[in-house]
C-alpha atoms as a PDB file:
ATOM      1  CA  UNK A   1      18.712  22.195 -10.591  1.00  0.00           C
ATOM      2  CA  UNK A   2      18.203  21.615  -6.879  1.00  0.00           C
ATOM      3  CA  UNK A   3      15.630  18.962  -6.007  1.00  0.00           C
ATOM      4  CA  UNK A   4      12.519  20.223  -4.197  1.00  0.00           C
ATOM      5  CA  UNK A   5      12.118  19.707  -0.466  1.00  0.00           C
ATOM      6  CA  UNK A   6       9.597  16.855  -0.450  1.00  0.00           C
ATOM      7  CA  UNK A   7       8.636  17.597   3.153  1.00  0.00           C
ATOM      8  CA  UNK A   8       7.245  21.026   2.194  1.00  0.00           C
ATOM      9  CA  UNK A   9       3.488  21.385   2.279  1.00  0.00           C
ATOM     10  CA  UNK A  10       1.828  22.820  -0.794  1.00  0.00           C
ATOM     11  CA  UNK A  11       3.696  20.556  -3.181  1.00  0.00           C
ATOM     12  CA  UNK A  12       2.147  17.723  -5.163  1.00  0.00           C
ATOM     13  CA  UNK A  13      -1.478  18.878  -5.000  1.00  0.00           C
ATOM     14  CA  UNK A  14      -1.858  18.924  -8.773  1.00  0.00           C
ATOM     15  CA  UNK A  15      -0.344  15.444  -9.049  1.00  0.00           C
ATOM     16  CA  UNK A  16      -2.516  14.227  -6.187  1.00  0.00           C
ATOM     17  CA  UNK A  17      -5.681  15.386  -7.937  1.00  0.00           C
ATOM     18  CA  UNK A  18      -4.545  13.671 -11.133  1.00  0.00           C
ATOM     19  CA  UNK A  19      -3.799  10.492  -9.174  1.00  0.00           C
ATOM     20  CA  UNK A  20      -7.159  10.421  -7.400  1.00  0.00           C
ATOM     21  CA  UNK A  21      -9.053  10.876 -10.657  1.00  0.00           C
ATOM     22  CA  UNK A  22      -7.091   8.071 -12.324  1.00  0.00           C
ATOM     23  CA  UNK A  23      -7.455   5.654  -9.402  1.00  0.00           C
ATOM     24  CA  UNK A  24     -11.195   6.286  -9.158  1.00  0.00           C
ATOM     25  CA  UNK A  25     -11.635   5.690 -12.891  1.00  0.00           C
ATOM     26  CA  UNK A  26      -9.523   2.533 -12.679  1.00  0.00           C
ATOM     27  CA  UNK A  27     -11.513   1.205  -9.741  1.00  0.00           C
ATOM     28  CA  UNK A  28     -14.780   1.761 -11.582  1.00  0.00           C
ATOM     29  CA  UNK A  29     -13.365  -0.111 -14.586  1.00  0.00           C
ATOM     30  CA  UNK A  30     -12.304  -3.049 -12.398  1.00  0.00           C
ATOM     31  CA  UNK A  31     -15.737  -3.229 -10.777  1.00  0.00           C
ATOM     32  CA  UNK A  32     -17.516  -3.192 -14.156  1.00  0.00           C
ATOM     33  CA  UNK A  33     -15.255  -5.927 -15.479  1.00  0.00           C
ATOM     34  CA  UNK A  34     -15.838  -8.032 -12.368  1.00  0.00           C
ATOM     35  CA  UNK A  35     -19.595  -7.859 -12.835  1.00  0.00           C
ATOM     36  CA  UNK A  36     -19.306  -8.721 -16.536  1.00  0.00           C
ATOM     37  CA  UNK A  37     -16.895 -11.617 -15.935  1.00  0.00           C
ATOM     38  CA  UNK A  38     -13.125 -11.735 -16.402  1.00  0.00           C
ATOM     39  CA  UNK A  39     -10.563 -14.175 -17.735  1.00  0.00           C
ATOM     40  CA  UNK A  40      -7.914 -15.289 -15.218  1.00  0.00           C
ATOM     41  CA  UNK A  41      -4.756 -17.396 -15.255  1.00  0.00           C
ATOM     42  CA  UNK A  42      -1.677 -17.994 -13.112  1.00  0.00           C
ATOM     43  CA  UNK A  43       1.564 -16.104 -13.601  1.00  0.00           C
ATOM     44  CA  UNK A  44       4.905 -17.911 -13.633  1.00  0.00           C
ATOM     45  CA  UNK A  45       5.223 -17.380  -9.864  1.00  0.00           C
ATOM     46  CA  UNK A  46       1.879 -19.108  -9.287  1.00  0.00           C
ATOM     47  CA  UNK A  47      -0.082 -15.993  -8.315  1.00  0.00           C
ATOM     48  CA  UNK A  48      -3.340 -15.192 -10.110  1.00  0.00           C
ATOM     49  CA  UNK A  49      -3.805 -12.432 -12.661  1.00  0.00           C
ATOM     50  CA  UNK A  50      -6.724 -11.444 -14.862  1.00  0.00           C
ATOM     51  CA  UNK A  51      -7.487  -9.392 -17.917  1.00  0.00           C
ATOM     52  CA  UNK A  52      -8.877  -6.815 -15.477  1.00  0.00           C
ATOM     53  CA  UNK A  53      -5.459  -6.451 -13.801  1.00  0.00           C
ATOM     54  CA  UNK A  54      -3.916  -5.723 -17.185  1.00  0.00           C
ATOM     55  CA  UNK A  55      -6.657  -3.336 -18.285  1.00  0.00           C
ATOM     56  CA  UNK A  56      -6.506  -1.367 -15.029  1.00  0.00           C
ATOM     57  CA  UNK A  57      -2.702  -1.155 -15.157  1.00  0.00           C
ATOM     58  CA  UNK A  58      -2.847   0.130 -18.718  1.00  0.00           C
ATOM     59  CA  UNK A  59      -5.507   2.708 -17.846  1.00  0.00           C
ATOM     60  CA  UNK A  60      -3.496   4.030 -14.899  1.00  0.00           C
ATOM     61  CA  UNK A  61      -0.330   4.248 -16.971  1.00  0.00           C
ATOM     62  CA  UNK A  62      -2.136   6.033 -19.798  1.00  0.00           C
ATOM     63  CA  UNK A  63      -3.767   8.636 -17.530  1.00  0.00           C
ATOM     64  CA  UNK A  64      -0.769   9.332 -15.313  1.00  0.00           C
ATOM     65  CA  UNK A  65       2.049   9.166 -17.842  1.00  0.00           C
ATOM     66  CA  UNK A  66       0.260  11.299 -20.411  1.00  0.00           C
ATOM     67  CA  UNK A  67       0.102  14.158 -17.907  1.00  0.00           C
ATOM     68  CA  UNK A  68       3.625  13.646 -16.514  1.00  0.00           C
ATOM     69  CA  UNK A  69       5.836  12.317 -19.329  1.00  0.00           C
ATOM     70  CA  UNK A  70       9.044  12.957 -17.370  1.00  0.00           C
ATOM     71  CA  UNK A  71       8.016  10.727 -14.468  1.00  0.00           C
ATOM     72  CA  UNK A  72       9.043   7.087 -14.177  1.00  0.00           C
ATOM     73  CA  UNK A  73       6.675   4.119 -13.990  1.00  0.00           C
ATOM     74  CA  UNK A  74       6.651   0.989 -11.806  1.00  0.00           C
ATOM     75  CA  UNK A  75       3.683  -1.356 -11.498  1.00  0.00           C
ATOM     76  CA  UNK A  76       2.932  -4.991 -10.818  1.00  0.00           C
ATOM     77  CA  UNK A  77       1.855  -5.965 -14.321  1.00  0.00           C
ATOM     78  CA  UNK A  78       3.677  -3.517 -16.613  1.00  0.00           C
ATOM     79  CA  UNK A  79       6.846  -3.623 -14.515  1.00  0.00           C
ATOM     80  CA  UNK A  80       9.485  -0.897 -14.370  1.00  0.00           C
ATOM     81  CA  UNK A  81       9.942   1.183 -17.487  1.00  0.00           C
ATOM     82  CA  UNK A  82      13.459   1.777 -18.730  1.00  0.00           C
ATOM     83  CA  UNK A  83      15.226   4.614 -16.925  1.00  0.00           C
ATOM     84  CA  UNK A  84      12.732   4.742 -14.056  1.00  0.00           C
ATOM     85  CA  UNK A  85      15.270   3.984 -11.341  1.00  0.00           C
ATOM     86  CA  UNK A  86      17.244   7.106 -12.284  1.00  0.00           C
ATOM     87  CA  UNK A  87      14.210   9.407 -12.172  1.00  0.00           C
ATOM     88  CA  UNK A  88      13.414  11.440  -9.027  1.00  0.00           C
ATOM     89  CA  UNK A  89       9.640  11.222  -9.505  1.00  0.00           C
ATOM     90  CA  UNK A  90       8.024   7.835 -10.125  1.00  0.00           C
ATOM     91  CA  UNK A  91       4.461   6.547 -10.269  1.00  0.00           C
ATOM     92  CA  UNK A  92       3.940   3.204  -8.506  1.00  0.00           C
ATOM     93  CA  UNK A  93       0.748   1.194  -9.001  1.00  0.00           C
ATOM     94  CA  UNK A  94      -0.875  -2.051  -7.978  1.00  0.00           C
ATOM     95  CA  UNK A  95      -3.755  -2.315 -10.454  1.00  0.00           C
ATOM     96  CA  UNK A  96      -5.768  -4.797  -8.391  1.00  0.00           C
ATOM     97  CA  UNK A  97      -4.353  -5.478  -4.955  1.00  0.00           C
ATOM     98  CA  UNK A  98      -6.058  -8.618  -3.728  1.00  0.00           C
ATOM     99  CA  UNK A  99      -6.589 -10.329  -7.081  1.00  0.00           C
ATOM    100  CA  UNK A 100      -7.579 -13.626  -5.449  1.00  0.00           C
ATOM    101  CA  UNK A 101     -10.329 -11.843  -3.497  1.00  0.00           C
ATOM    102  CA  UNK A 102     -11.390  -9.997  -6.644  1.00  0.00           C
ATOM    103  CA  UNK A 103     -11.686 -13.228  -8.603  1.00  0.00           C
ATOM    104  CA  UNK A 104     -13.516 -14.927  -5.729  1.00  0.00           C
ATOM    105  CA  UNK A 105     -16.222 -12.291  -5.535  1.00  0.00           C
ATOM    106  CA  UNK A 106     -15.053 -10.751  -2.243  1.00  0.00           C
ATOM    107  CA  UNK A 107     -14.979  -6.979  -1.727  1.00  0.00           C
ATOM    108  CA  UNK A 108     -11.541  -7.062  -0.075  1.00  0.00           C
ATOM    109  CA  UNK A 109      -9.557  -5.663  -3.003  1.00  0.00           C
ATOM    110  CA  UNK A 110      -8.558  -2.239  -4.211  1.00  0.00           C
ATOM    111  CA  UNK A 111      -6.787  -0.230  -6.857  1.00  0.00           C
ATOM    112  CA  UNK A 112      -3.776   1.494  -5.292  1.00  0.00           C
ATOM    113  CA  UNK A 113      -1.167   3.908  -6.584  1.00  0.00           C
ATOM    114  CA  UNK A 114       1.162   6.617  -5.390  1.00  0.00           C
ATOM    115  CA  UNK A 115       3.753   9.110  -6.513  1.00  0.00           C
ATOM    116  CA  UNK A 116       7.302   8.718  -5.225  1.00  0.00           C
ATOM    117  CA  UNK A 117       9.786  11.554  -4.979  1.00  0.00           C
ATOM    118  CA  UNK A 118      13.358  10.642  -4.083  1.00  0.00           C
ATOM    119  CA  UNK A 119      12.250   7.154  -3.066  1.00  0.00           C
ATOM    120  CA  UNK A 120       9.429   8.160  -0.713  1.00  0.00           C
ATOM    121  CA  UNK A 121       5.671   8.522  -1.353  1.00  0.00           C
ATOM    122  CA  UNK A 122       4.315  12.065  -1.527  1.00  0.00           C
ATOM    123  CA  UNK A 123       0.781  11.430  -2.837  1.00  0.00           C
ATOM    124  CA  UNK A 124      -1.284   8.246  -2.596  1.00  0.00           C
ATOM    125  CA  UNK A 125      -4.748   6.898  -3.345  1.00  0.00           C
ATOM    126  CA  UNK A 126      -6.473   3.552  -2.836  1.00  0.00           C
ATOM    127  CA  UNK A 127     -10.005   2.817  -4.027  1.00  0.00           C
ATOM    128  CA  UNK A 128     -12.033  -0.186  -2.880  1.00  0.00           C
ATOM    129  CA  UNK A 129     -15.045   0.292  -5.160  1.00  0.00           C
ATOM    130  CA  UNK A 130     -16.931  -2.788  -3.966  1.00  0.00           C
ATOM    131  CA  UNK A 131     -16.853  -1.219  -0.481  1.00  0.00           C
ATOM    132  CA  UNK A 132     -17.345   2.357  -1.744  1.00  0.00           C
ATOM    133  CA  UNK A 133     -14.217   3.404   0.149  1.00  0.00           C
ATOM    134  CA  UNK A 134     -11.716   5.885  -1.275  1.00  0.00           C
ATOM    135  CA  UNK A 135      -8.552   6.466   0.751  1.00  0.00           C
ATOM    136  CA  UNK A 136      -6.134   9.266  -0.090  1.00  0.00           C
ATOM    137  CA  UNK A 137      -3.200  11.147   1.361  1.00  0.00           C
ATOM    138  CA  UNK A 138      -0.771  13.866   0.420  1.00  0.00           C
ATOM    139  CA  UNK A 139       2.480  14.556   2.200  1.00  0.00           C
ATOM    140  CA  UNK A 140       1.969  17.086   4.984  1.00  0.00           C
ATOM    141  CA  UNK A 141      -1.780  17.416   4.377  1.00  0.00           C
ATOM    142  CA  UNK A 142      -3.250  14.389   6.174  1.00  0.00           C
ATOM    143  CA  UNK A 143      -5.159  11.296   5.097  1.00  0.00           C
ATOM    144  CA  UNK A 144      -8.839  10.972   4.265  1.00  0.00           C
ATOM    145  CA  UNK A 145     -11.466   8.280   3.791  1.00  0.00           C
ATOM    146  CA  UNK A 146     -14.295   9.406   1.507  1.00  0.00           C
ATOM    147  CA  UNK A 147     -13.298  12.996   2.236  1.00  0.00           C
ATOM    148  CA  UNK A 148     -13.200  12.657   6.035  1.00  0.00           C
ATOM    149  CA  UNK A 149      -9.911  12.981   7.917  1.00  0.00           C
ATOM    150  CA  UNK A 150      -8.571   9.707   9.345  1.00  0.00           C
ATOM    151  CA  UNK A 151      -6.517   9.153  12.475  1.00  0.00           C
ATOM    152  CA  UNK A 152      -4.700   5.945  13.429  1.00  0.00           C
ATOM    153  CA  UNK A 153      -5.594   4.492  16.825  1.00  0.00           C
ATOM    154  CA  UNK A 154      -2.428   5.419  18.701  1.00  0.00           C
ATOM    155  CA  UNK A 155      -2.534   2.175  20.721  1.00  0.00           C
ATOM    156  CA  UNK A 156       0.731   1.957  22.640  1.00  0.00           C
ATOM    157  CA  UNK A 157       0.759  -1.655  23.892  1.00  0.00           C
ATOM    158  CA  UNK A 158       0.974  -4.761  21.731  1.00  0.00           C
ATOM    159  CA  UNK A 159      -0.891  -7.088  24.113  1.00  0.00           C
ATOM    160  CA  UNK A 160      -4.613  -6.627  23.759  1.00  0.00           C
ATOM    161  CA  UNK A 161      -4.320  -4.788  20.450  1.00  0.00           C
ATOM    162  CA  UNK A 162      -6.183  -5.599  17.240  1.00  0.00           C
ATOM    163  CA  UNK A 163      -4.177  -6.388  14.105  1.00  0.00           C
ATOM    164  CA  UNK A 164      -5.005  -7.064  10.495  1.00  0.00           C
ATOM    165  CA  UNK A 165      -2.663  -9.968   9.849  1.00  0.00           C
ATOM    166  CA  UNK A 166      -2.607 -13.626   8.957  1.00  0.00           C
ATOM    167  CA  UNK A 167      -3.080 -15.855  12.007  1.00  0.00           C
ATOM    168  CA  UNK A 168       0.399 -17.284  11.395  1.00  0.00           C
ATOM    169  CA  UNK A 169       1.771 -13.868  12.349  1.00  0.00           C
ATOM    170  CA  UNK A 170       1.382 -14.794  16.021  1.00  0.00           C
ATOM    171  CA  UNK A 171       3.081 -18.172  15.804  1.00  0.00           C
ATOM    172  CA  UNK A 172       5.711 -18.998  18.437  1.00  0.00           C
ATOM    173  CA  UNK A 173       8.497 -19.196  15.850  1.00  0.00           C
ATOM    174  CA  UNK A 174       8.248 -15.506  15.033  1.00  0.00           C
ATOM    175  CA  UNK A 175       8.328 -14.001  18.527  1.00  0.00           C
ATOM    176  CA  UNK A 176      10.366 -14.040  21.668  1.00  0.00           C
ATOM    177  CA  UNK A 177       8.437 -15.508  24.598  1.00  0.00           C
ATOM    178  CA  UNK A 178       5.817 -14.703  25.508  1.00  0.00           C
ATOM    179  CA  UNK A 179       3.972 -14.516  22.184  1.00  0.00           C
ATOM    180  CA  UNK A 180       1.976 -11.263  22.090  1.00  0.00           C
ATOM    181  CA  UNK A 181      -1.733 -11.531  22.819  1.00  0.00           C
ATOM    182  CA  UNK A 182      -3.222  -9.793  19.824  1.00  0.00           C
ATOM    183  CA  UNK A 183      -6.554 -10.199  18.044  1.00  0.00           C
ATOM    184  CA  UNK A 184      -6.122 -10.887  14.323  1.00  0.00           C
ATOM    185  CA  UNK A 185      -8.388 -10.379  11.331  1.00  0.00           C
ATOM    186  CA  UNK A 186      -7.335 -10.742   7.722  1.00  0.00           C
ATOM    187  CA  UNK A 187      -7.721  -9.209   4.271  1.00  0.00           C
ATOM    188  CA  UNK A 188      -5.729 -10.305   1.244  1.00  0.00           C
ATOM    189  CA  UNK A 189      -5.006  -6.751   0.075  1.00  0.00           C
ATOM    190  CA  UNK A 190      -1.815  -5.403   1.612  1.00  0.00           C
ATOM    191  CA  UNK A 191      -2.759  -1.832   0.728  1.00  0.00           C
ATOM    192  CA  UNK A 192      -6.123  -2.195   2.479  1.00  0.00           C
ATOM    193  CA  UNK A 193      -4.352  -3.554   5.555  1.00  0.00           C
ATOM    194  CA  UNK A 194      -2.532  -0.230   5.751  1.00  0.00           C
ATOM    195  CA  UNK A 195      -5.721   1.719   5.104  1.00  0.00           C
ATOM    196  CA  UNK A 196      -7.796   0.160   7.887  1.00  0.00           C
ATOM    197  CA  UNK A 197      -4.948   0.910  10.304  1.00  0.00           C
ATOM    198  CA  UNK A 198      -4.930   4.519   9.075  1.00  0.00           C
ATOM    199  CA  UNK A 199      -8.694   4.660   9.670  1.00  0.00           C
ATOM    200  CA  UNK A 200      -8.242   3.496  13.276  1.00  0.00           C
ATOM    201  CA  UNK A 201     -10.276   0.337  12.667  1.00  0.00           C
ATOM    202  CA  UNK A 202      -7.298  -1.795  13.708  1.00  0.00           C
ATOM    203  CA  UNK A 203      -4.370  -0.851  15.912  1.00  0.00           C
ATOM    204  CA  UNK A 204      -1.725  -2.319  13.636  1.00  0.00           C
ATOM    205  CA  UNK A 205      -0.756  -4.651  10.833  1.00  0.00           C
ATOM    206  CA  UNK A 206       2.146  -6.985  10.172  1.00  0.00           C
ATOM    207  CA  UNK A 207       3.102  -9.244   7.277  1.00  0.00           C
ATOM    208  CA  UNK A 208       6.059 -11.581   6.953  1.00  0.00           C
ATOM    209  CA  UNK A 209       7.799 -12.572   3.763  1.00  0.00           C
ATOM    210  CA  UNK A 210       9.005 -10.527   0.843  1.00  0.00           C
ATOM    211  CA  UNK A 211       6.709  -7.798  -0.496  1.00  0.00           C
ATOM    212  CA  UNK A 212       7.060  -5.428  -3.432  1.00  0.00           C
ATOM    213  CA  UNK A 213       7.092  -1.657  -3.658  1.00  0.00           C
ATOM    214  CA  UNK A 214       3.606  -1.582  -5.203  1.00  0.00           C
ATOM    215  CA  UNK A 215       2.245  -3.609  -2.261  1.00  0.00           C
ATOM    216  CA  UNK A 216       3.474  -1.113   0.307  1.00  0.00           C
ATOM    217  CA  UNK A 217       4.193   2.396  -0.975  1.00  0.00           C
ATOM    218  CA  UNK A 218       0.587   3.689  -1.344  1.00  0.00           C
ATOM    219  CA  UNK A 219      -0.420   2.488   2.131  1.00  0.00           C
ATOM    220  CA  UNK A 220       2.845   3.723   3.642  1.00  0.00           C
ATOM    221  CA  UNK A 221       1.943   7.368   3.056  1.00  0.00           C
ATOM    222  CA  UNK A 222      -1.704   6.893   4.026  1.00  0.00           C
ATOM    223  CA  UNK A 223      -0.705   5.452   7.412  1.00  0.00           C
ATOM    224  CA  UNK A 224       1.908   8.145   8.044  1.00  0.00           C
ATOM    225  CA  UNK A 225      -0.465  10.962   7.216  1.00  0.00           C
ATOM    226  CA  UNK A 226      -3.043   9.454   9.592  1.00  0.00           C
ATOM    227  CA  UNK A 227      -0.514   9.742  12.432  1.00  0.00           C
ATOM    228  CA  UNK A 228       0.884   6.204  12.375  1.00  0.00           C
ATOM    229  CA  UNK A 229       4.040   4.728  10.932  1.00  0.00           C
ATOM    230  CA  UNK A 230       5.375   1.835   8.883  1.00  0.00           C
ATOM    231  CA  UNK A 231       8.688  -0.023   8.952  1.00  0.00           C
ATOM    232  CA  UNK A 232      10.138  -3.142   7.400  1.00  0.00           C
ATOM    233  CA  UNK A 233      10.807  -6.140   9.644  1.00  0.00           C
ATOM    234  CA  UNK A 234      14.363  -4.925  10.194  1.00  0.00           C
ATOM    235  CA  UNK A 235      12.872  -1.808  11.791  1.00  0.00           C
ATOM    236  CA  UNK A 236      13.935   0.417   8.892  1.00  0.00           C
ATOM    237  CA  UNK A 237      12.014   3.068   6.997  1.00  0.00           C
ATOM    238  CA  UNK A 238      11.116   2.028   3.465  1.00  0.00           C
ATOM    239  CA  UNK A 239      12.998   3.424   0.497  1.00  0.00           C
ATOM    240  CA  UNK A 240      11.310   2.610  -2.791  1.00  0.00           C
ATOM    241  CA  UNK A 241      12.427   2.411  -6.429  1.00  0.00           C
ATOM    242  CA  UNK A 242      15.730   0.788  -5.562  1.00  0.00           C
ATOM    243  CA  UNK A 243      17.364  -1.720  -7.905  1.00  0.00           C
ATOM    244  CA  UNK A 244      15.455  -4.480  -6.099  1.00  0.00           C
ATOM    245  CA  UNK A 245      11.756  -3.739  -5.615  1.00  0.00           C
ATOM    246  CA  UNK A 246      11.359  -6.447  -2.943  1.00  0.00           C
ATOM    247  CA  UNK A 247      11.026  -5.404   0.706  1.00  0.00           C
ATOM    248  CA  UNK A 248      11.344  -7.406   3.940  1.00  0.00           C
ATOM    249  CA  UNK A 249       7.734  -7.577   5.117  1.00  0.00           C
ATOM    250  CA  UNK A 250       6.081  -4.667   6.878  1.00  0.00           C
ATOM    251  CA  UNK A 251       4.595  -3.508  10.160  1.00  0.00           C
ATOM    252  CA  UNK A 252       2.239  -0.590  10.699  1.00  0.00           C
ATOM    253  CA  UNK A 253       0.880   1.143  13.781  1.00  0.00           C
ATOM    254  CA  UNK A 254       1.813   3.801  16.317  1.00  0.00           C
ATOM    255  CA  UNK A 255       5.483   4.504  17.003  1.00  0.00           C
ATOM    256  CA  UNK A 256       5.144   2.783  20.392  1.00  0.00           C
ATOM    257  CA  UNK A 257       3.680  -0.340  18.782  1.00  0.00           C
ATOM    258  CA  UNK A 258       6.401  -0.416  16.130  1.00  0.00           C
ATOM    259  CA  UNK A 259       9.086  -0.109  18.810  1.00  0.00           C
ATOM    260  CA  UNK A 260       7.567  -2.992  20.774  1.00  0.00           C
ATOM    261  CA  UNK A 261       7.210  -5.188  17.690  1.00  0.00           C
ATOM    262  CA  UNK A 262      10.850  -4.586  16.778  1.00  0.00           C
ATOM    263  CA  UNK A 263      11.914  -5.511  20.303  1.00  0.00           C
ATOM    264  CA  UNK A 264       9.764  -8.642  20.585  1.00  0.00           C
ATOM    265  CA  UNK A 265      10.232 -10.191  17.145  1.00  0.00           C
ATOM    266  CA  UNK A 266      12.260 -13.371  17.350  1.00  0.00           C
ATOM    267  CA  UNK A 267      13.558 -12.942  13.835  1.00  0.00           C
ATOM    268  CA  UNK A 268      13.337 -10.321  11.154  1.00  0.00           C
ATOM    269  CA  UNK A 269      14.321 -12.617   8.330  1.00  0.00           C
ATOM    270  CA  UNK A 270      11.688 -12.447   5.597  1.00  0.00           C
END
């Protein structure tokens, strides 16, 4: 059977509604658990995880997989289910993106998930319940924050722009001279970095180092549907659900900003 044209509007609305309901429920669960107190420990890679991460991941998997048993599954805590790489449609989830912020009592965390078709996101949702912000997008139908359409800033020049990025992102070692004059603010959640760019609150975002599909795929669609774009640090469009789920950093912003970043980066090595 011929695969559907994923660029067609009108597709994925049922799945998008399912996704939004599941992400909202998962975010409410995470917020309740945070207020009640959670147990946390370090994973083998040294990053923090909590019983809330696991509970949220399990809730998302239960809600989404029950309704779409033929779809694959990839998430930070559950991992990739057997056979997922061969499936055209795959759910991707980061149960709590920004776990360190979550554990520290900050509101800079979210529950994020998306549906991939043929390696690209077609429906996405991210809920930051401590901020009462719900971001969503569907391919060809725009991006919304709490029901209101979002538009990225469209800033065309790197110098003088505002970025959500770690301050090390503007170190001399990463850029050809002169180093761009950008104003940086930071949030630990990679998905929220995409979302605030989509909302036009920042002109762009950039992160160095290896990232995973679940860190990037939900925000990727949200930025694109708000009129911006995302690329890896090699200047390539992301393809997800490959054999290796690691990606080479990311940059987000207008096409003009992405072109300038690609030209001015000293190195694209993660």
